[in-house]
Amino acid sequence: MFYNDKIFYICVVIDLYARLVIRYKIGNKNNTQLVKSTFQQAYSKRHPTAKLIYHTDRGFNYISKTMADYMKSLGITHSFSMPYVPYDNSIMESFFSSLKRKELYRTNYKSEKNF
């Protein structure tokens, strides 16, 4: 996402069963910290009691040792989509396609605070 010649990154956690956005964050860096902090907030918001599977693509920030160690510490199975197979992560692909089409391309943001 671009604003005033700056690039912003959106990290989203979706509950696949409920098809709800649990948490999202916007950051100016696409890094493991953005992913981890978004997941931490989603996890603490839901307080899950059942075993979780966290499914992502194979982006560097998801496959990092930091994320692997964090998922392991919580007892979460981290599932990855196959390389170069976008339909393996079709819910997120569809979500971001809709977000771009219905919101980002139609909205003229007045400031960064309006994201």
C-alpha atoms as a PDB file:
ATOM      1  CA  MET A   1       0.000   0.000   0.000  1.00  0.00           C
ATOM      2  CA  PHE A   2       1.401   3.401  -0.960  1.00  0.00           C
ATOM      3  CA  TYR A   3       0.752   6.760   0.650  1.00  0.00           C
ATOM      4  CA  ASN A   4       2.715   9.963  -0.078  1.00  0.00           C
ATOM      5  CA  ASP A   5       5.493   7.953  -1.720  1.00  0.00           C
ATOM      6  CA  LYS A   6       5.800   5.731   1.353  1.00  0.00           C
ATOM      7  CA  ILE A   7       5.168   2.008   1.375  1.00  0.00           C
ATOM      8  CA  PHE A   8       3.041   0.416   4.097  1.00  0.00           C
ATOM      9  CA  TYR A   9       2.498  -3.264   4.802  1.00  0.00           C
ATOM     10  CA  ILE A  10      -0.644  -4.895   6.141  1.00  0.00           C
ATOM     11  CA  CYS A  11      -0.477  -8.042   8.238  1.00  0.00           C
ATOM     12  CA  VAL A  12      -3.785  -9.816   8.864  1.00  0.00           C
ATOM     13  CA  VAL A  13      -4.833 -12.790  10.999  1.00  0.00           C
ATOM     14  CA  ILE A  14      -8.082 -14.426   9.886  1.00  0.00           C
ATOM     15  CA  ASP A  15     -10.020 -17.145  11.683  1.00  0.00           C
ATOM     16  CA  LEU A  16     -10.644 -19.561   8.813  1.00  0.00           C
ATOM     17  CA  TYR A  17     -13.546 -21.284  10.555  1.00  0.00           C
ATOM     18  CA  ALA A  18     -15.453 -18.080  11.309  1.00  0.00           C
ATOM     19  CA  ARG A  19     -14.060 -16.199   8.284  1.00  0.00           C
ATOM     20  CA  LEU A  20     -13.408 -13.187  10.498  1.00  0.00           C
ATOM     21  CA  VAL A  21     -10.463 -10.834  10.700  1.00  0.00           C
ATOM     22  CA  ILE A  22      -9.162 -11.302  14.236  1.00  0.00           C
ATOM     23  CA  ARG A  23      -6.414  -8.690  14.098  1.00  0.00           C
ATOM     24  CA  TYR A  24      -4.556  -6.580  11.588  1.00  0.00           C
ATOM     25  CA  LYS A  25      -1.658  -4.175  11.799  1.00  0.00           C
ATOM     26  CA  ILE A  26      -0.165  -1.735   9.357  1.00  0.00           C
ATOM     27  CA  GLY A  27       3.555  -1.125   9.469  1.00  0.00           C
ATOM     28  CA  ASN A  28       6.200   0.681   7.485  1.00  0.00           C
ATOM     29  CA  LYS A  29       8.448  -2.399   7.402  1.00  0.00           C
ATOM     30  CA  ASN A  30       7.662  -5.867   6.120  1.00  0.00           C
ATOM     31  CA  ASN A  31       9.434  -7.825   8.821  1.00  0.00           C
ATOM     32  CA  THR A  32       9.064 -10.628  11.331  1.00  0.00           C
ATOM     33  CA  GLN A  33       8.255  -8.173  14.119  1.00  0.00           C
ATOM     34  CA  LEU A  34       5.135  -6.985  12.270  1.00  0.00           C
ATOM     35  CA  VAL A  35       3.971 -10.583  11.800  1.00  0.00           C
ATOM     36  CA  LYS A  36       4.782 -11.661  15.344  1.00  0.00           C
ATOM     37  CA  SER A  37       3.168  -8.654  17.022  1.00  0.00           C
ATOM     38  CA  THR A  38       0.022  -9.015  14.902  1.00  0.00           C
ATOM     39  CA  PHE A  39      -0.234 -12.687  15.808  1.00  0.00           C
ATOM     40  CA  GLN A  40       0.454 -11.987  19.504  1.00  0.00           C
ATOM     41  CA  GLN A  41      -2.410  -9.510  19.628  1.00  0.00           C
ATOM     42  CA  ALA A  42      -4.760 -11.880  17.789  1.00  0.00           C
ATOM     43  CA  TYR A  43      -3.793 -14.743  20.087  1.00  0.00           C
ATOM     44  CA  SER A  44      -4.307 -12.716  23.262  1.00  0.00           C
ATOM     45  CA  LYS A  45      -7.633 -11.394  21.965  1.00  0.00           C
ATOM     46  CA  ARG A  46      -9.047 -14.886  21.407  1.00  0.00           C
ATOM     47  CA  HIS A  47      -7.459 -16.863  24.283  1.00  0.00           C
ATOM     48  CA  PRO A  48      -7.717 -20.136  22.332  1.00  0.00           C
ATOM     49  CA  THR A  49      -8.222 -23.344  24.285  1.00  0.00           C
ATOM     50  CA  ALA A  50      -8.127 -25.754  21.343  1.00  0.00           C
ATOM     51  CA  LYS A  51      -5.002 -26.672  19.419  1.00  0.00           C
ATOM     52  CA  LEU A  52      -4.312 -24.154  16.658  1.00  0.00           C
ATOM     53  CA  ILE A  53      -2.933 -24.377  13.154  1.00  0.00           C
ATOM     54  CA  TYR A  54      -1.452 -21.154  11.787  1.00  0.00           C
ATOM     55  CA  HIS A  55      -1.409 -21.310   7.983  1.00  0.00           C
ATOM     56  CA  THR A  56       0.673 -18.834   5.989  1.00  0.00           C
ATOM     57  CA  ASP A  57       2.547 -18.485   2.768  1.00  0.00           C
ATOM     58  CA  ARG A  58       6.311 -18.925   2.726  1.00  0.00           C
ATOM     59  CA  GLY A  59       7.258 -15.281   3.073  1.00  0.00           C
ATOM     60  CA  PHE A  60      10.595 -14.710   4.789  1.00  0.00           C
ATOM     61  CA  ASN A  61       8.901 -13.156   7.804  1.00  0.00           C
ATOM     62  CA  TYR A  62       6.723 -16.254   8.347  1.00  0.00           C
ATOM     63  CA  ILE A  63       9.443 -18.874   7.918  1.00  0.00           C
ATOM     64  CA  SER A  64      11.916 -17.097  10.189  1.00  0.00           C
ATOM     65  CA  LYS A  65      13.458 -18.841  13.179  1.00  0.00           C
ATOM     66  CA  THR A  66      11.852 -16.222  15.430  1.00  0.00           C
ATOM     67  CA  MET A  67       8.359 -17.224  14.247  1.00  0.00           C
ATOM     68  CA  ALA A  68       9.171 -20.937  14.359  1.00  0.00           C
ATOM     69  CA  ASP A  69      10.378 -20.634  17.961  1.00  0.00           C
ATOM     70  CA  TYR A  70       7.376 -18.506  18.928  1.00  0.00           C
ATOM     71  CA  MET A  71       4.854 -20.927  17.402  1.00  0.00           C
ATOM     72  CA  LYS A  72       6.596 -23.844  19.089  1.00  0.00           C
ATOM     73  CA  SER A  73       6.513 -22.072  22.470  1.00  0.00           C
ATOM     74  CA  LEU A  74       2.721 -21.751  22.144  1.00  0.00           C
ATOM     75  CA  GLY A  75       2.244 -25.314  20.914  1.00  0.00           C
ATOM     76  CA  ILE A  76       0.885 -24.092  17.581  1.00  0.00           C
ATOM     77  CA  THR A  77       1.335 -26.047  14.375  1.00  0.00           C
ATOM     78  CA  HIS A  78       2.623 -23.726  11.665  1.00  0.00           C
ATOM     79  CA  SER A  79       1.386 -24.830   8.257  1.00  0.00           C
ATOM     80  CA  PHE A  80       2.798 -23.369   5.041  1.00  0.00           C
ATOM     81  CA  SER A  81       1.352 -23.192   1.555  1.00  0.00           C
ATOM     82  CA  MET A  82       3.278 -24.868  -1.234  1.00  0.00           C
ATOM     83  CA  PRO A  83       5.755 -22.622  -3.059  1.00  0.00           C
ATOM     84  CA  TYR A  84       4.232 -20.741  -6.013  1.00  0.00           C
ATOM     85  CA  VAL A  85       0.742 -22.164  -5.373  1.00  0.00           C
ATOM     86  CA  PRO A  86      -1.450 -19.178  -4.408  1.00  0.00           C
ATOM     87  CA  TYR A  87      -4.631 -21.247  -4.143  1.00  0.00           C
ATOM     88  CA  ASP A  88      -3.013 -23.049  -1.199  1.00  0.00           C
ATOM     89  CA  ASN A  89      -3.596 -19.821   0.707  1.00  0.00           C
ATOM     90  CA  SER A  90      -6.738 -18.827  -1.179  1.00  0.00           C
ATOM     91  CA  ILE A  91      -8.573 -17.235   1.759  1.00  0.00           C
ATOM     92  CA  MET A  92      -5.824 -14.655   2.235  1.00  0.00           C
ATOM     93  CA  GLU A  93      -5.380 -14.144  -1.510  1.00  0.00           C
ATOM     94  CA  SER A  94      -9.116 -13.479  -1.813  1.00  0.00           C
ATOM     95  CA  PHE A  95      -9.128 -11.205   1.235  1.00  0.00           C
ATOM     96  CA  PHE A  96      -6.321  -9.005  -0.092  1.00  0.00           C
ATOM     97  CA  SER A  97      -7.859  -8.916  -3.566  1.00  0.00           C
ATOM     98  CA  SER A  98     -11.151  -7.693  -2.071  1.00  0.00           C
ATOM     99  CA  LEU A  99      -9.377  -5.225   0.222  1.00  0.00           C
ATOM    100  CA  LYS A 100      -7.572  -3.666  -2.717  1.00  0.00           C
ATOM    101  CA  ARG A 101     -10.603  -3.617  -5.012  1.00  0.00           C
ATOM    102  CA  LYS A 102     -13.214  -2.455  -2.495  1.00  0.00           C
ATOM    103  CA  GLU A 103     -11.176  -0.202  -0.221  1.00  0.00           C
ATOM    104  CA  LEU A 104      -7.629   0.759  -1.144  1.00  0.00           C
ATOM    105  CA  TYR A 105      -8.195   1.605  -4.816  1.00  0.00           C
ATOM    106  CA  ARG A 106     -11.384   3.561  -4.041  1.00  0.00           C
ATOM    107  CA  THR A 107     -10.286   5.583  -1.035  1.00  0.00           C
ATOM    108  CA  ASN A 108      -8.249   8.761  -1.031  1.00  0.00           C
ATOM    109  CA  TYR A 109      -6.702   8.755   2.438  1.00  0.00           C
ATOM    110  CA  LYS A 110      -6.140  12.180   4.002  1.00  0.00           C
ATOM    111  CA  SER A 111      -3.359  10.978   6.309  1.00  0.00           C
ATOM    112  CA  GLU A 112      -1.636   7.855   7.608  1.00  0.00           C
ATOM    113  CA  LYS A 113      -3.972   7.926  10.621  1.00  0.00           C
ATOM    114  CA  ASN A 114      -6.932   7.189   8.325  1.00  0.00           C
ATOM    115  CA  PHE A 115      -5.728   3.715   7.339  1.00  0.00           C
END
